[in-house]
């Protein structure tokens, strides 16, 4: 058996946040191209309300 110490796991938080932003931008771009800016604004507002709702439940 090997008695190697396991190192700490890498922190991928920044990479995950950047990729989340990239995905959000291209999805909003596709929605904008297909349906127009008002639908993108409404989707962003709904996402914001959903995030606020989740944050309020975690307290």
Protein backbone atom coordinates (compact mmCIF):
# COMPACT_ATOMS: atom_id res chain seq x y z
CA UNK A 1 0.00 0.00 0.00
CA UNK A 2 1.07 3.53 -0.68
CA UNK A 3 0.82 6.03 2.14
CA UNK A 4 0.67 9.13 -0.02
CA UNK A 5 -1.06 12.16 1.36
CA UNK A 6 -3.84 13.43 -0.80
CA UNK A 7 -3.50 17.07 -1.77
CA UNK A 8 -6.32 19.54 -1.61
CA UNK A 9 -8.74 19.67 -4.48
CA UNK A 10 -8.22 22.48 -7.00
CA UNK A 11 -10.51 25.48 -6.70
CA UNK A 12 -12.51 25.77 -9.91
CA UNK A 13 -14.89 28.48 -8.68
CA UNK A 14 -13.55 31.23 -10.96
CA UNK A 15 -13.52 28.95 -14.00
CA UNK A 16 -17.11 27.88 -13.31
CA UNK A 17 -18.27 31.49 -12.91
CA UNK A 18 -16.56 32.59 -16.13
CA UNK A 19 -18.05 29.69 -18.09
CA UNK A 20 -21.47 30.42 -16.59
CA UNK A 21 -21.18 34.00 -17.84
CA UNK A 22 -20.08 32.84 -21.30
CA UNK A 23 -23.03 30.45 -21.52
CA UNK A 24 -25.46 33.09 -20.29
CA UNK A 25 -24.22 35.57 -22.90
CA UNK A 26 -24.53 33.22 -25.86
CA UNK A 27 -27.95 32.00 -24.74
CA UNK A 28 -29.14 35.61 -24.38
CA UNK A 29 -27.66 36.33 -27.82
CA UNK A 30 -29.64 33.50 -29.40
CA UNK A 31 -32.84 34.56 -27.62
CA UNK A 32 -32.25 38.14 -28.76
CA UNK A 33 -31.73 37.04 -32.38
CA UNK A 34 -34.86 34.86 -32.38
CA UNK A 35 -37.32 36.85 -30.28
CA UNK A 36 -35.93 40.35 -29.70
CA UNK A 37 -34.58 42.41 -26.84
CA UNK A 38 -37.78 42.60 -24.73
CA UNK A 39 -37.75 38.81 -24.30
CA UNK A 40 -34.10 38.91 -23.22
CA UNK A 41 -34.92 41.62 -20.68
CA UNK A 42 -37.85 39.56 -19.38
CA UNK A 43 -35.68 36.43 -19.13
CA UNK A 44 -33.01 38.36 -17.26
CA UNK A 45 -35.60 39.78 -14.88
CA UNK A 46 -37.00 36.28 -14.26
CA UNK A 47 -33.51 34.91 -13.60
CA UNK A 48 -32.85 37.74 -11.16
CA UNK A 49 -36.11 37.07 -9.31
CA UNK A 50 -35.30 33.35 -9.17
CA UNK A 51 -31.83 33.97 -7.79
CA UNK A 52 -33.22 36.40 -5.20
CA UNK A 53 -35.84 33.83 -4.20
CA UNK A 54 -33.20 31.12 -3.75
CA UNK A 55 -31.00 33.52 -1.75
CA UNK A 56 -33.87 34.42 0.57
CA UNK A 57 -34.62 30.75 1.25
CA UNK A 58 -30.99 30.03 2.17
CA UNK A 59 -30.97 32.52 5.06
